[in-house]
Amino acid sequence: MRAHECSEAFSTDEVFCDRDELLEWAKSVGYSYGFVIVILRSDTWTSQRGRMTYVLLGYERGGKYRWYKKEVDVSRTGNRKCECPFRLRGKSVKGGQGWMVELICGSHNHDLTETMVGYPYARRVVVCDRDVTLMNAIRMVFPEAYNLLCRFHIDKTVKAKCKMLVHPREAWDQVMDVRGSVVDCDIVEAFEDRVNALRVVCSPWPIFVDYVMDTWLRPHKEKIVKAWIDKVMHLGNTTSNRVEATHWSLKSLEFDGGFMFLLGFHQ
């Protein structure tokens, strides 16, 4: 086990629109590095002296357990806490014009994982369509859940827009293929190269490129692009359509003969 330094990734002067946007940014960066960020403490300013609006973020296994029973033998009781020092503070900008991040400590005293499979918070995945009201409700009811957008319905919507904006029709397949390579990009560092390829191929149809970028990729890449969504354990369920979810999972399985048992479930 060795220490890891992530200070550079979380050092930013960006002003976020609100607390939720700041949280989403911090969690997505955490996922890309292989750890889960959670809220440790928060408070809201009141007229009471000493109170201020802030949110303190840390690694989900940071801190340590408090043993309330003296008879508990700590050496025989396992726990997942590791006293990781990683801390971020989100605070409201003076005047209430947004939120900013303050890096308190960017170090980890543990190994970072290459996959989020098996992490408690990573299991909380909710797939929905791009419905702002529903997405806000998910954020409020399940604040620690990772919200994915239904790729099946997005593909249908983008294909319909392609048929409206791209001509001649012989170009449709090529355009949809290069757009598909963007959302199927499985390496964060390669994402911008895929986007640039999309711009080159679709240069005769800039309105379509603007639609894909402004409606889907810029605001929602963490919810639809494989490089980000594969950091959570979604078990192949990237659509809210139950039939398509099963079909997608079956297509992704590779096996040589024998029998396969499919256990169905829904979240």
C-alpha atoms as a PDB file:
ATOM      1  CA  MET A   1       0.000   0.000   0.000  1.00  0.00           C
ATOM      2  CA  ARG A   2       1.329   3.430  -0.898  1.00  0.00           C
ATOM      3  CA  ALA A   3       0.191   7.028  -0.714  1.00  0.00           C
ATOM      4  CA  HIS A   4      -1.365   8.742  -3.740  1.00  0.00           C
ATOM      5  CA  GLU A   5      -1.429  12.450  -4.512  1.00  0.00           C
ATOM      6  CA  CYS A   6      -4.465  13.914  -6.335  1.00  0.00           C
ATOM      7  CA  SER A   7      -4.050  17.609  -5.528  1.00  0.00           C
ATOM      8  CA  GLU A   8      -3.626  18.730  -9.128  1.00  0.00           C
ATOM      9  CA  ALA A   9      -6.896  17.117 -10.252  1.00  0.00           C
ATOM     10  CA  PHE A  10      -8.906  18.932  -7.576  1.00  0.00           C
ATOM     11  CA  SER A  11      -7.189  22.329  -7.825  1.00  0.00           C
ATOM     12  CA  THR A  12      -9.506  24.628  -9.756  1.00  0.00           C
ATOM     13  CA  ASP A  13     -10.598  28.269  -9.845  1.00  0.00           C
ATOM     14  CA  GLU A  14     -13.900  27.342 -11.492  1.00  0.00           C
ATOM     15  CA  VAL A  15     -17.028  28.924 -10.031  1.00  0.00           C
ATOM     16  CA  PHE A  16     -19.896  26.415 -10.017  1.00  0.00           C
ATOM     17  CA  CYS A  17     -23.501  27.482 -10.429  1.00  0.00           C
ATOM     18  CA  ASP A  18     -24.635  25.870  -7.199  1.00  0.00           C
ATOM     19  CA  ARG A  19     -23.801  23.272  -4.549  1.00  0.00           C
ATOM     20  CA  ASP A  20     -25.167  20.380  -6.611  1.00  0.00           C
ATOM     21  CA  GLU A  21     -22.986  21.215  -9.616  1.00  0.00           C
ATOM     22  CA  LEU A  22     -19.916  21.372  -7.363  1.00  0.00           C
ATOM     23  CA  LEU A  23     -20.770  17.990  -5.816  1.00  0.00           C
ATOM     24  CA  GLU A  24     -21.303  16.385  -9.218  1.00  0.00           C
ATOM     25  CA  TRP A  25     -17.931  17.682 -10.443  1.00  0.00           C
ATOM     26  CA  ALA A  26     -16.056  16.498  -7.348  1.00  0.00           C
ATOM     27  CA  LYS A  27     -17.648  13.036  -7.419  1.00  0.00           C
ATOM     28  CA  SER A  28     -16.994  12.551 -11.140  1.00  0.00           C
ATOM     29  CA  VAL A  29     -13.307  13.464 -10.701  1.00  0.00           C
ATOM     30  CA  GLY A  30     -13.129  11.090  -7.748  1.00  0.00           C
ATOM     31  CA  TYR A  31     -14.659   8.258  -9.783  1.00  0.00           C
ATOM     32  CA  SER A  32     -12.172   8.849 -12.618  1.00  0.00           C
ATOM     33  CA  TYR A  33      -9.318   8.399 -10.121  1.00  0.00           C
ATOM     34  CA  GLY A  34     -10.843   5.312  -8.510  1.00  0.00           C
ATOM     35  CA  PHE A  35     -12.374   6.467  -5.237  1.00  0.00           C
ATOM     36  CA  VAL A  36     -15.760   7.576  -3.923  1.00  0.00           C
ATOM     37  CA  ILE A  37     -16.295  11.066  -2.508  1.00  0.00           C
ATOM     38  CA  VAL A  38     -19.009  11.634   0.083  1.00  0.00           C
ATOM     39  CA  ILE A  39     -20.290  14.517   2.186  1.00  0.00           C
ATOM     40  CA  LEU A  40     -18.682  14.493   5.642  1.00  0.00           C
ATOM     41  CA  ARG A  41     -20.259  17.646   7.047  1.00  0.00           C
ATOM     42  CA  SER A  42     -22.265  20.608   5.821  1.00  0.00           C
ATOM     43  CA  ASP A  43     -23.850  23.741   7.193  1.00  0.00           C
ATOM     44  CA  THR A  44     -25.920  26.707   6.041  1.00  0.00           C
ATOM     45  CA  TRP A  45     -25.376  30.315   7.016  1.00  0.00           C
ATOM     46  CA  THR A  46     -27.796  31.822   9.499  1.00  0.00           C
ATOM     47  CA  SER A  47     -27.755  35.009  11.499  1.00  0.00           C
ATOM     48  CA  GLN A  48     -26.074  33.060  14.286  1.00  0.00           C
ATOM     49  CA  ARG A  49     -22.460  34.089  14.726  1.00  0.00           C
ATOM     50  CA  GLY A  50     -19.900  31.595  13.430  1.00  0.00           C
ATOM     51  CA  ARG A  51     -22.276  29.805  11.032  1.00  0.00           C
ATOM     52  CA  MET A  52     -21.370  29.716   7.341  1.00  0.00           C
ATOM     53  CA  THR A  53     -22.517  27.927   4.199  1.00  0.00           C
ATOM     54  CA  TYR A  54     -20.152  25.108   3.276  1.00  0.00           C
ATOM     55  CA  VAL A  55     -19.862  21.393   2.533  1.00  0.00           C
ATOM     56  CA  LEU A  56     -16.909  19.251   3.608  1.00  0.00           C
ATOM     57  CA  LEU A  57     -16.078  16.329   1.294  1.00  0.00           C
ATOM     58  CA  GLY A  58     -13.837  13.333   1.817  1.00  0.00           C
ATOM     59  CA  TYR A  59     -13.083   9.738   0.873  1.00  0.00           C
ATOM     60  CA  GLU A  60     -15.954   7.394   1.807  1.00  0.00           C
ATOM     61  CA  ARG A  61     -13.597   5.286   3.929  1.00  0.00           C
ATOM     62  CA  GLY A  62     -11.948   8.273   5.582  1.00  0.00           C
ATOM     63  CA  GLY A  63     -12.212   8.904   9.308  1.00  0.00           C
ATOM     64  CA  LYS A  64     -12.326   6.174  11.913  1.00  0.00           C
ATOM     65  CA  TYR A  65     -14.933   4.300  13.876  1.00  0.00           C
ATOM     66  CA  ARG A  66     -15.894   5.344  17.367  1.00  0.00           C
ATOM     67  CA  TRP A  67     -16.268   2.316  19.576  1.00  0.00           C
ATOM     68  CA  TYR A  68     -19.072   2.888  22.065  1.00  0.00           C
ATOM     69  CA  LYS A  69     -18.817  -0.476  23.806  1.00  0.00           C
ATOM     70  CA  LYS A  70     -15.705  -0.876  25.897  1.00  0.00           C
ATOM     71  CA  GLU A  71     -15.906  -4.635  25.665  1.00  0.00           C
ATOM     72  CA  VAL A  72     -15.414  -4.588  21.882  1.00  0.00           C
ATOM     73  CA  ASP A  73     -12.067  -6.088  20.922  1.00  0.00           C
ATOM     74  CA  VAL A  74     -10.921  -3.798  18.099  1.00  0.00           C
ATOM     75  CA  SER A  75      -8.253  -6.257  16.998  1.00  0.00           C
ATOM     76  CA  ARG A  76     -10.966  -8.829  16.288  1.00  0.00           C
ATOM     77  CA  THR A  77     -13.446  -6.456  14.693  1.00  0.00           C
ATOM     78  CA  GLY A  78     -12.854  -5.576  11.052  1.00  0.00           C
ATOM     79  CA  ASN A  79     -13.772  -2.196   9.604  1.00  0.00           C
ATOM     80  CA  ARG A  80     -13.371  -0.400   6.305  1.00  0.00           C
ATOM     81  CA  LYS A  81     -12.208   2.949   7.691  1.00  0.00           C
ATOM     82  CA  CYS A  82      -8.613   3.890   6.941  1.00  0.00           C
ATOM     83  CA  GLU A  83      -8.330   7.483   8.278  1.00  0.00           C
ATOM     84  CA  CYS A  84      -7.645   8.848   4.790  1.00  0.00           C
ATOM     85  CA  PRO A  85      -6.730  12.576   5.063  1.00  0.00           C
ATOM     86  CA  PHE A  86      -8.220  13.585   1.677  1.00  0.00           C
ATOM     87  CA  ARG A  87     -10.491  16.631   2.161  1.00  0.00           C
ATOM     88  CA  LEU A  88     -12.233  19.222  -0.015  1.00  0.00           C
ATOM     89  CA  ARG A  89     -14.300  22.164   1.155  1.00  0.00           C
ATOM     90  CA  GLY A  90     -17.026  23.590  -1.033  1.00  0.00           C
ATOM     91  CA  LYS A  91     -18.074  27.089  -0.052  1.00  0.00           C
ATOM     92  CA  SER A  92     -20.498  29.676  -1.263  1.00  0.00           C
ATOM     93  CA  VAL A  93     -18.934  32.635  -3.046  1.00  0.00           C
ATOM     94  CA  LYS A  94     -19.386  35.942  -1.254  1.00  0.00           C
ATOM     95  CA  GLY A  95     -22.629  37.473  -2.433  1.00  0.00           C
ATOM     96  CA  GLY A  96     -24.110  34.075  -3.242  1.00  0.00           C
ATOM     97  CA  GLN A  97     -22.934  34.095  -6.861  1.00  0.00           C
ATOM     98  CA  GLY A  98     -21.938  30.446  -7.065  1.00  0.00           C
ATOM     99  CA  TRP A  99     -19.725  27.917  -5.277  1.00  0.00           C
ATOM    100  CA  MET A 100     -15.974  27.266  -5.271  1.00  0.00           C
ATOM    101  CA  VAL A 101     -13.738  24.390  -4.169  1.00  0.00           C
ATOM    102  CA  GLU A 102     -10.991  24.740  -1.596  1.00  0.00           C
ATOM    103  CA  LEU A 103      -8.450  21.905  -1.509  1.00  0.00           C
ATOM    104  CA  ILE A 104      -7.583  21.043   2.086  1.00  0.00           C
ATOM    105  CA  CYS A 105      -5.622  17.844   1.463  1.00  0.00           C
ATOM    106  CA  GLY A 106      -5.180  16.016  -1.836  1.00  0.00           C
ATOM    107  CA  SER A 107      -3.318  12.995  -0.454  1.00  0.00           C
ATOM    108  CA  HIS A 108      -4.553   9.443   0.073  1.00  0.00           C
ATOM    109  CA  ASN A 109      -2.954   6.959   2.474  1.00  0.00           C
ATOM    110  CA  HIS A 110      -4.249   3.935   0.554  1.00  0.00           C
ATOM    111  CA  ASP A 111      -4.183   2.372  -2.902  1.00  0.00           C
ATOM    112  CA  LEU A 112      -6.683   3.677  -5.441  1.00  0.00           C
ATOM    113  CA  THR A 113      -8.785   1.105  -7.240  1.00  0.00           C
ATOM    114  CA  GLU A 114      -8.948   0.520 -10.985  1.00  0.00           C
ATOM    115  CA  THR A 115     -12.624  -0.459 -10.787  1.00  0.00           C
ATOM    116  CA  MET A 116     -15.474   0.692  -8.581  1.00  0.00           C
ATOM    117  CA  VAL A 117     -17.010  -2.793  -8.429  1.00  0.00           C
ATOM    118  CA  GLY A 118     -17.691  -3.770  -4.832  1.00  0.00           C
ATOM    119  CA  TYR A 119     -17.829  -0.269  -3.392  1.00  0.00           C
ATOM    120  CA  PRO A 120     -21.013   0.347  -1.357  1.00  0.00           C
ATOM    121  CA  TYR A 121     -21.726   3.754  -2.841  1.00  0.00           C
ATOM    122  CA  ALA A 122     -20.920   2.529  -6.348  1.00  0.00           C
ATOM    123  CA  ARG A 123     -23.872   0.119  -6.155  1.00  0.00           C
ATOM    124  CA  ARG A 124     -26.345   2.965  -5.987  1.00  0.00           C
ATOM    125  CA  VAL A 125     -26.924   3.542  -9.668  1.00  0.00           C
ATOM    126  CA  VAL A 126     -30.097   5.052 -11.076  1.00  0.00           C
ATOM    127  CA  VAL A 127     -30.779   5.083 -14.834  1.00  0.00           C
ATOM    128  CA  CYS A 128     -33.331   7.538 -16.191  1.00  0.00           C
ATOM    129  CA  ASP A 129     -34.133   9.659 -19.217  1.00  0.00           C
ATOM    130  CA  ARG A 130     -33.055  13.296 -19.535  1.00  0.00           C
ATOM    131  CA  ASP A 131     -35.966  14.620 -17.541  1.00  0.00           C
ATOM    132  CA  VAL A 132     -34.818  17.579 -15.441  1.00  0.00           C
ATOM    133  CA  THR A 133     -37.589  17.148 -12.879  1.00  0.00           C
ATOM    134  CA  LEU A 134     -36.825  13.453 -12.450  1.00  0.00           C
ATOM    135  CA  MET A 135     -33.051  14.056 -12.291  1.00  0.00           C
ATOM    136  CA  ASN A 136     -33.543  16.689  -9.590  1.00  0.00           C
ATOM    137  CA  ALA A 137     -35.785  14.315  -7.638  1.00  0.00           C
ATOM    138  CA  ILE A 138     -33.129  11.580  -7.814  1.00  0.00           C
ATOM    139  CA  ARG A 139     -30.508  14.035  -6.563  1.00  0.00           C
ATOM    140  CA  MET A 140     -32.698  14.958  -3.594  1.00  0.00           C
ATOM    141  CA  VAL A 141     -33.981  11.483  -2.646  1.00  0.00           C
ATOM    142  CA  PHE A 142     -30.767   9.572  -3.415  1.00  0.00           C
ATOM    143  CA  PRO A 143     -28.005  12.178  -2.916  1.00  0.00           C
ATOM    144  CA  GLU A 144     -25.214   9.571  -2.991  1.00  0.00           C
ATOM    145  CA  ALA A 145     -26.549   7.724  -6.068  1.00  0.00           C
ATOM    146  CA  TYR A 146     -24.764   7.845  -9.418  1.00  0.00           C
ATOM    147  CA  ASN A 147     -27.297   8.966 -12.006  1.00  0.00           C
ATOM    148  CA  LEU A 148     -26.847   7.532 -15.520  1.00  0.00           C
ATOM    149  CA  LEU A 149     -28.859   8.571 -18.559  1.00  0.00           C
ATOM    150  CA  CYS A 150     -30.548   5.951 -20.724  1.00  0.00           C
ATOM    151  CA  ARG A 151     -28.212   5.343 -23.654  1.00  0.00           C
ATOM    152  CA  PHE A 152     -30.860   3.447 -25.617  1.00  0.00           C
ATOM    153  CA  HIS A 153     -33.238   6.421 -25.705  1.00  0.00           C
ATOM    154  CA  ILE A 154     -30.369   8.859 -26.308  1.00  0.00           C
ATOM    155  CA  ASP A 155     -29.271   6.844 -29.344  1.00  0.00           C
ATOM    156  CA  LYS A 156     -32.800   6.922 -30.757  1.00  0.00           C
ATOM    157  CA  THR A 157     -33.098  10.667 -30.191  1.00  0.00           C
ATOM    158  CA  VAL A 158     -29.699  11.456 -31.730  1.00  0.00           C
ATOM    159  CA  LYS A 159     -30.427   9.223 -34.722  1.00  0.00           C
ATOM    160  CA  ALA A 160     -33.695  11.058 -35.357  1.00  0.00           C
ATOM    161  CA  LYS A 161     -31.865  14.399 -35.165  1.00  0.00           C
ATOM    162  CA  CYS A 162     -29.187  13.061 -37.532  1.00  0.00           C
ATOM    163  CA  LYS A 163     -31.852  12.234 -40.135  1.00  0.00           C
ATOM    164  CA  MET A 164     -33.182  15.784 -39.839  1.00  0.00           C
ATOM    165  CA  LEU A 165     -29.870  17.637 -40.078  1.00  0.00           C
ATOM    166  CA  VAL A 166     -27.480  15.427 -42.054  1.00  0.00           C
ATOM    167  CA  HIS A 167     -27.779  15.082 -45.821  1.00  0.00           C
ATOM    168  CA  PRO A 168     -27.350  13.067 -47.966  1.00  0.00           C
ATOM    169  CA  ARG A 169     -28.748  10.032 -46.185  1.00  0.00           C
ATOM    170  CA  GLU A 170     -25.720   7.958 -47.260  1.00  0.00           C
ATOM    171  CA  ALA A 171     -23.756   9.844 -44.592  1.00  0.00           C
ATOM    172  CA  TRP A 172     -26.034   8.790 -41.720  1.00  0.00           C
ATOM    173  CA  ASP A 173     -24.232   5.560 -40.871  1.00  0.00           C
ATOM    174  CA  GLN A 174     -20.795   7.192 -40.838  1.00  0.00           C
ATOM    175  CA  VAL A 175     -22.019  10.071 -38.683  1.00  0.00           C
ATOM    176  CA  MET A 176     -23.719   7.772 -36.177  1.00  0.00           C
ATOM    177  CA  ASP A 177     -20.650   5.513 -36.054  1.00  0.00           C
ATOM    178  CA  VAL A 178     -18.273   8.356 -35.202  1.00  0.00           C
ATOM    179  CA  ARG A 179     -20.747   9.717 -32.654  1.00  0.00           C
ATOM    180  CA  GLY A 180     -20.966   6.194 -31.196  1.00  0.00           C
ATOM    181  CA  SER A 181     -17.181   6.067 -30.877  1.00  0.00           C
ATOM    182  CA  VAL A 182     -17.376   9.151 -28.644  1.00  0.00           C
ATOM    183  CA  VAL A 183     -19.856   7.717 -26.142  1.00  0.00           C
ATOM    184  CA  ASP A 184     -18.062   4.327 -26.262  1.00  0.00           C
ATOM    185  CA  CYS A 185     -14.702   5.928 -25.447  1.00  0.00           C
ATOM    186  CA  ASP A 186     -13.384   4.016 -22.424  1.00  0.00           C
ATOM    187  CA  ILE A 187     -10.354   6.209 -21.592  1.00  0.00           C
ATOM    188  CA  VAL A 188     -10.830   9.716 -20.187  1.00  0.00           C
ATOM    189  CA  GLU A 189      -7.633  10.985 -21.820  1.00  0.00           C
ATOM    190  CA  ALA A 190      -8.848   9.857 -25.270  1.00  0.00           C
ATOM    191  CA  PHE A 191     -12.224  11.589 -25.018  1.00  0.00           C
ATOM    192  CA  GLU A 192     -11.180  14.908 -26.593  1.00  0.00           C
ATOM    193  CA  ASP A 193      -9.558  13.076 -29.523  1.00  0.00           C
ATOM    194  CA  ARG A 194     -12.854  11.275 -30.195  1.00  0.00           C
ATOM    195  CA  VAL A 195     -14.728  14.584 -30.014  1.00  0.00           C
ATOM    196  CA  ASN A 196     -12.284  16.155 -32.491  1.00  0.00           C
ATOM    197  CA  ALA A 197     -12.849  13.224 -34.859  1.00  0.00           C
ATOM    198  CA  LEU A 198     -16.592  13.857 -34.601  1.00  0.00           C
ATOM    199  CA  ARG A 199     -16.055  17.522 -35.503  1.00  0.00           C
ATOM    200  CA  VAL A 200     -13.942  16.600 -38.550  1.00  0.00           C
ATOM    201  CA  VAL A 201     -16.336  13.991 -39.929  1.00  0.00           C
ATOM    202  CA  CYS A 202     -19.372  16.208 -39.288  1.00  0.00           C
ATOM    203  CA  SER A 203     -17.828  19.483 -40.445  1.00  0.00           C
ATOM    204  CA  PRO A 204     -20.437  19.817 -43.250  1.00  0.00           C
ATOM    205  CA  TRP A 205     -23.166  19.684 -40.594  1.00  0.00           C
ATOM    206  CA  PRO A 206     -22.079  22.004 -37.721  1.00  0.00           C
ATOM    207  CA  ILE A 207     -25.637  22.291 -36.373  1.00  0.00           C
ATOM    208  CA  PHE A 208     -25.658  18.544 -35.685  1.00  0.00           C
ATOM    209  CA  VAL A 209     -22.295  18.803 -33.896  1.00  0.00           C
ATOM    210  CA  ASP A 210     -23.602  21.683 -31.769  1.00  0.00           C
ATOM    211  CA  TYR A 211     -26.673  19.622 -30.889  1.00  0.00           C
ATOM    212  CA  VAL A 212     -24.622  16.604 -29.793  1.00  0.00           C
ATOM    213  CA  MET A 213     -22.180  18.731 -27.790  1.00  0.00           C
ATOM    214  CA  ASP A 214     -24.619  21.185 -26.171  1.00  0.00           C
ATOM    215  CA  THR A 215     -27.453  18.751 -25.452  1.00  0.00           C
ATOM    216  CA  TRP A 216     -25.510  15.643 -24.442  1.00  0.00           C
ATOM    217  CA  LEU A 217     -21.740  15.662 -24.171  1.00  0.00           C
ATOM    218  CA  ARG A 218     -20.911  18.909 -22.400  1.00  0.00           C
ATOM    219  CA  PRO A 219     -23.569  18.719 -19.673  1.00  0.00           C
ATOM    220  CA  HIS A 220     -23.896  14.928 -19.364  1.00  0.00           C
ATOM    221  CA  LYS A 221     -20.721  13.130 -20.450  1.00  0.00           C
ATOM    222  CA  GLU A 222     -20.278  11.689 -16.930  1.00  0.00           C
ATOM    223  CA  LYS A 223     -23.706  10.052 -17.308  1.00  0.00           C
ATOM    224  CA  ILE A 224     -23.353   8.508 -20.776  1.00  0.00           C
ATOM    225  CA  VAL A 225     -19.687   8.086 -21.830  1.00  0.00           C
ATOM    226  CA  LYS A 226     -18.089   4.731 -20.975  1.00  0.00           C
ATOM    227  CA  ALA A 227     -14.904   6.298 -19.598  1.00  0.00           C
ATOM    228  CA  TRP A 228     -16.979   7.689 -16.732  1.00  0.00           C
ATOM    229  CA  ILE A 229     -19.961   5.366 -16.353  1.00  0.00           C
ATOM    230  CA  ASP A 230     -17.778   2.241 -16.276  1.00  0.00           C
ATOM    231  CA  LYS A 231     -16.282   3.508 -13.034  1.00  0.00           C
ATOM    232  CA  VAL A 232     -19.502   2.403 -11.333  1.00  0.00           C
ATOM    233  CA  MET A 233     -21.017  -1.063 -11.083  1.00  0.00           C
ATOM    234  CA  HIS A 234     -23.980  -0.771 -13.458  1.00  0.00           C
ATOM    235  CA  LEU A 235     -23.819  -4.449 -14.525  1.00  0.00           C
ATOM    236  CA  GLY A 236     -24.505  -3.497 -18.131  1.00  0.00           C
ATOM    237  CA  ASN A 237     -27.735  -1.672 -17.255  1.00  0.00           C
ATOM    238  CA  THR A 238     -27.317   1.597 -19.120  1.00  0.00           C
ATOM    239  CA  THR A 239     -30.923   1.934 -20.241  1.00  0.00           C
ATOM    240  CA  SER A 240     -34.234   2.465 -18.474  1.00  0.00           C
ATOM    241  CA  ASN A 241     -35.892   0.147 -21.005  1.00  0.00           C
ATOM    242  CA  ARG A 242     -36.084  -3.238 -19.230  1.00  0.00           C
ATOM    243  CA  VAL A 243     -36.190  -5.284 -22.461  1.00  0.00           C
ATOM    244  CA  GLU A 244     -33.248  -3.426 -23.955  1.00  0.00           C
ATOM    245  CA  ALA A 245     -31.319  -3.661 -20.673  1.00  0.00           C
ATOM    246  CA  THR A 246     -31.556  -7.462 -20.781  1.00  0.00           C
ATOM    247  CA  HIS A 247     -30.677  -7.527 -24.488  1.00  0.00           C
ATOM    248  CA  TRP A 248     -27.665  -5.247 -23.896  1.00  0.00           C
ATOM    249  CA  SER A 249     -26.401  -7.493 -21.085  1.00  0.00           C
ATOM    250  CA  LEU A 250     -26.794 -10.639 -23.195  1.00  0.00           C
ATOM    251  CA  LYS A 251     -24.914  -9.103 -26.109  1.00  0.00           C
ATOM    252  CA  SER A 252     -22.023  -8.165 -23.834  1.00  0.00           C
ATOM    253  CA  LEU A 253     -21.578 -11.718 -22.483  1.00  0.00           C
ATOM    254  CA  GLU A 254     -18.998 -13.983 -24.063  1.00  0.00           C
ATOM    255  CA  PHE A 255     -19.001 -17.686 -23.274  1.00  0.00           C
ATOM    256  CA  ASP A 256     -17.933 -20.949 -24.895  1.00  0.00           C
ATOM    257  CA  GLY A 257     -20.722 -23.537 -24.821  1.00  0.00           C
ATOM    258  CA  GLY A 258     -22.273 -24.870 -21.639  1.00  0.00           C
ATOM    259  CA  PHE A 259     -25.314 -23.433 -19.932  1.00  0.00           C
ATOM    260  CA  MET A 260     -26.004 -19.864 -18.932  1.00  0.00           C
ATOM    261  CA  PHE A 261     -28.487 -18.929 -16.238  1.00  0.00           C
ATOM    262  CA  LEU A 262     -29.911 -15.418 -16.381  1.00  0.00           C
ATOM    263  CA  LEU A 263     -31.043 -13.951 -13.076  1.00  0.00           C
ATOM    264  CA  GLY A 264     -33.370 -11.053 -13.695  1.00  0.00           C
ATOM    265  CA  PHE A 265     -33.647  -8.103 -11.321  1.00  0.00           C
ATOM    266  CA  HIS A 266     -34.568  -4.469 -11.451  1.00  0.00           C
ATOM    267  CA  GLN A 267     -33.457  -1.494  -9.426  1.00  0.00           C
END
